[in-house]
Amino acid sequence: MDGAGAADSVSSPVSVRSSYPSFSSMEQLMGLLRVRVVKGLNLAVRDLSTSDPYIVLRMGKQKLKTHVVKKNVNPEWNEELTFSISYPIIPIKLEVFDKDTFSHDDKMGDAELDIVPFIQAVKLNLQDLGNGTVVEKLVPNRLNCLAEESRIVWLDGKLVQDVCVRLRNVECGEVELQLQWINLPGRKAF
């Protein structure tokens, strides 16, 4: 489902897309995870001298994608995609593609993002922390796709995690994301 653009804290337009659960799965629903796809960095060239990238995010049966950015290997999407979260908690799979008109879209790499540390921080039910308080630091290693240290931070009354993932199965490329938890009204997440 497509949502309307919303004002952002940096006052730039944001595209919003969501994958909402069926009514029968609402009882198991813990909350919503907003994934802001910020930008791509040094993405692979798949056309003559550039690419037309877009991103597909998957979590189980939920699948969301960004719009295509034409002729740009350093695209800025600034799109918010929202997943419903329930048990078991599974990683987000990210794939980057180059949009082609007359043939299959070309793969431009993939990554996997473990959201368990972020969900565990949400479970702490933190409140009234100082703005900018670091709750947890995650470091890149061979078991994750992090390109650099990622911090889970208390910001403006919410937990936020800025993430930069290095793409696999491709010669180059990184994608910057931001995670934010959304509690459901009238429902305790944990």
Protein backbone atom coordinates (compact mmCIF):
# COMPACT_ATOMS: atom_id res chain seq x y z
CA MET A 1 0.00 0.00 0.00
CA ASP A 2 1.29 3.44 -0.82
CA GLY A 3 0.98 6.24 1.70
CA ALA A 4 1.22 9.93 1.09
CA GLY A 5 4.50 11.79 1.57
CA ALA A 6 4.98 13.24 5.04
CA ALA A 7 6.99 16.08 6.48
CA ASP A 8 10.33 14.96 7.80
CA SER A 9 12.44 16.37 10.62
CA VAL A 10 14.77 17.71 7.92
CA SER A 11 11.74 19.01 6.04
CA SER A 12 12.44 16.97 2.93
CA PRO A 13 9.76 14.89 1.24
CA VAL A 14 9.50 11.30 2.40
CA SER A 15 7.76 8.51 0.56
CA VAL A 16 5.99 6.05 2.84
CA ARG A 17 5.04 2.45 2.07
CA SER A 18 3.78 -0.19 4.46
CA SER A 19 3.12 -3.89 4.69
CA TYR A 20 0.31 -4.42 7.17
CA PRO A 21 -0.66 -7.77 8.69
CA SER A 22 -3.93 -9.58 8.15
CA PHE A 23 -6.53 -9.31 10.92
CA SER A 24 -5.85 -12.91 12.06
CA SER A 25 -2.19 -12.13 12.80
CA MET A 26 -2.95 -8.95 14.80
CA GLU A 27 -2.85 -10.84 18.11
CA GLN A 28 0.80 -11.78 17.56
CA LEU A 29 1.78 -8.32 16.32
CA MET A 30 4.40 -6.65 18.53
CA GLY A 31 4.61 -3.34 16.71
CA LEU A 32 5.83 -1.72 13.53
CA LEU A 33 9.38 -1.19 12.32
CA ARG A 34 9.89 1.87 10.15
CA VAL A 35 12.91 1.47 7.88
CA ARG A 36 14.03 4.68 6.25
CA VAL A 37 16.05 3.88 3.14
CA VAL A 38 18.29 6.95 3.13
CA LYS A 39 20.74 6.54 0.26
CA GLY A 40 23.12 4.33 -1.68
CA LEU A 41 26.86 4.94 -1.86
CA ASN A 42 29.15 3.93 -4.73
CA LEU A 43 26.68 1.41 -6.16
CA ALA A 44 27.77 -0.81 -9.03
CA VAL A 45 27.47 0.37 -12.64
CA ARG A 46 25.09 -1.87 -14.62
CA ASP A 47 24.28 0.30 -17.66
CA LEU A 48 26.82 2.11 -19.88
CA SER A 49 28.28 4.40 -17.21
CA THR A 50 25.63 4.46 -14.49
CA SER A 51 22.62 2.56 -13.06
CA ASP A 52 18.93 3.08 -12.31
CA PRO A 53 18.80 1.58 -8.80
CA TYR A 54 15.93 0.62 -6.55
CA ILE A 55 15.83 -1.46 -3.36
CA VAL A 56 13.64 -4.39 -2.37
CA LEU A 57 13.34 -5.15 1.36
CA ARG A 58 11.93 -8.50 2.49
CA MET A 59 11.01 -9.80 5.90
CA GLY A 60 9.35 -13.18 5.71
CA LYS A 61 6.30 -12.78 3.44
CA GLN A 62 6.43 -8.98 3.58
CA LYS A 63 8.04 -7.28 0.59
CA LEU A 64 8.49 -3.53 0.08
CA LYS A 65 10.43 -1.55 -2.49
CA THR A 66 11.66 1.96 -3.13
CA HIS A 67 11.15 4.02 -6.25
CA VAL A 68 13.75 3.91 -9.05
CA VAL A 69 16.38 6.65 -9.10
CA LYS A 70 17.43 7.22 -12.71
CA LYS A 71 21.09 7.37 -13.77
CA ASN A 72 22.71 7.55 -10.33
CA VAL A 73 25.17 5.30 -8.48
CA ASN A 74 24.83 7.48 -5.35
CA PRO A 75 21.02 7.67 -5.14
CA GLU A 76 19.07 9.38 -2.38
CA TRP A 77 15.74 7.70 -1.71
CA ASN A 78 14.74 9.09 1.68
CA GLU A 79 11.80 6.64 1.69
CA GLU A 80 10.10 5.17 4.74
CA LEU A 81 9.02 1.55 4.46
CA THR A 82 7.10 0.00 7.36
CA PHE A 83 7.08 -3.66 8.39
CA SER A 84 4.79 -5.31 10.91
CA ILE A 85 6.84 -7.21 13.50
CA SER A 86 5.76 -10.42 15.20
CA TYR A 87 7.50 -13.53 16.55
CA PRO A 88 9.76 -15.06 15.43
CA ILE A 89 11.94 -12.05 14.70
CA ILE A 90 13.70 -12.59 11.39
CA PRO A 91 16.32 -10.53 9.56
CA ILE A 92 15.55 -7.99 6.87
CA LYS A 93 16.86 -9.02 3.47
CA LEU A 94 17.88 -6.13 1.24
CA GLU A 95 18.47 -6.40 -2.51
CA VAL A 96 19.53 -3.64 -4.89
CA PHE A 97 18.51 -3.82 -8.55
CA ASP A 98 19.14 -1.81 -11.70
CA LYS A 99 15.85 -1.13 -13.51
CA ASP A 100 15.96 -2.16 -17.16
CA THR A 101 13.23 -1.42 -19.69
CA PHE A 102 13.66 -4.25 -22.19
CA SER A 103 15.28 -7.01 -20.10
CA HIS A 104 15.28 -8.43 -16.59
CA ASP A 105 16.45 -6.01 -13.90
CA ASP A 106 20.13 -6.51 -13.04
CA LYS A 107 21.21 -7.46 -9.52
CA MET A 108 23.43 -4.89 -7.82
CA GLY A 109 24.12 -6.71 -4.54
CA ASP A 110 22.37 -7.75 -1.37
CA ALA A 111 22.70 -7.57 2.40
CA GLU A 112 21.02 -8.95 5.48
CA LEU A 113 20.21 -6.93 8.57
CA ASP A 114 19.72 -8.61 11.95
CA ILE A 115 17.11 -6.57 13.82
CA VAL A 116 17.26 -8.63 17.06
CA PRO A 117 19.62 -6.16 18.86
CA PHE A 118 17.26 -3.29 17.99
CA ILE A 119 14.17 -5.24 19.15
CA GLN A 120 15.98 -6.18 22.39
CA ALA A 121 16.68 -2.49 23.02
CA VAL A 122 12.98 -1.72 22.40
CA LYS A 123 12.03 -4.44 24.92
CA LEU A 124 13.91 -2.53 27.63
CA ASN A 125 11.01 -0.02 27.54
CA LEU A 126 13.42 2.86 28.08
CA GLN A 127 11.98 6.27 28.86
CA ASP A 128 13.20 9.75 29.70
CA LEU A 129 16.78 9.20 28.58
CA GLY A 130 18.86 12.19 27.58
CA ASN A 131 18.64 13.00 23.88
CA GLY A 132 21.51 11.26 22.07
CA THR A 133 22.06 8.58 24.75
CA VAL A 134 23.71 5.52 23.16
CA VAL A 135 21.87 2.36 24.24
CA GLU A 136 24.02 -0.13 22.32
CA LYS A 137 26.89 -0.17 19.81
CA LEU A 138 27.13 -2.84 17.12
CA VAL A 139 30.42 -3.40 15.33
CA PRO A 140 31.03 -4.83 11.86
CA ASN A 141 32.24 -8.43 11.73
CA ARG A 142 32.24 -11.41 9.38
CA LEU A 143 28.77 -12.45 10.57
CA ASN A 144 26.98 -9.20 9.67
CA CYS A 145 26.86 -6.82 6.71
CA LEU A 146 27.64 -3.67 8.70
CA ALA A 147 30.05 -1.34 6.89
CA GLU A 148 30.74 0.64 10.06
CA GLU A 149 29.77 0.80 13.73
CA SER A 150 26.02 1.15 14.22
CA ARG A 151 24.54 2.75 17.33
CA ILE A 152 21.11 2.35 18.84
CA VAL A 153 20.34 5.81 20.21
CA TRP A 154 17.56 7.50 22.19
CA LEU A 155 16.55 10.45 20.01
CA ASP A 156 13.55 12.75 20.47
CA GLY A 157 11.79 10.27 22.76
CA LYS A 158 12.34 7.25 20.48
CA LEU A 159 14.87 4.53 19.82
CA VAL A 160 16.62 4.99 16.48
CA GLN A 161 19.38 3.00 14.79
CA ASP A 162 21.41 4.39 11.90
CA VAL A 163 22.86 1.55 9.82
CA CYS A 164 25.24 1.42 6.88
CA VAL A 165 25.36 -2.01 5.23
CA ARG A 166 27.99 -3.18 2.77
CA LEU A 167 26.49 -5.02 -0.18
CA ARG A 168 27.52 -8.62 -0.88
CA ASN A 169 27.79 -10.47 -4.19
CA VAL A 170 28.81 -7.31 -6.04
CA GLU A 171 32.02 -5.36 -6.67
CA CYS A 172 31.07 -2.32 -4.57
CA GLY A 173 28.28 -0.46 -2.82
CA GLU A 174 26.77 0.46 0.53
CA VAL A 175 23.27 1.46 1.63
CA GLU A 176 22.37 3.73 4.54
CA LEU A 177 19.23 2.93 6.53
CA GLN A 178 17.57 4.16 9.70
CA LEU A 179 15.40 1.96 11.94
CA GLN A 180 12.68 3.33 14.20
CA TRP A 181 10.15 1.44 16.35
CA ILE A 182 6.45 2.34 16.31
CA ASN A 183 4.27 1.16 19.19
CA LEU A 184 0.70 0.30 18.31
CA PRO A 185 -1.89 2.51 20.02
CA GLY A 186 -3.50 0.86 23.04
CA ARG A 187 -1.19 -2.13 22.82
CA LYS A 188 1.84 -3.02 24.92
CA ALA A 189 4.62 -4.27 22.64
CA PHE A 190 6.34 -6.54 25.16
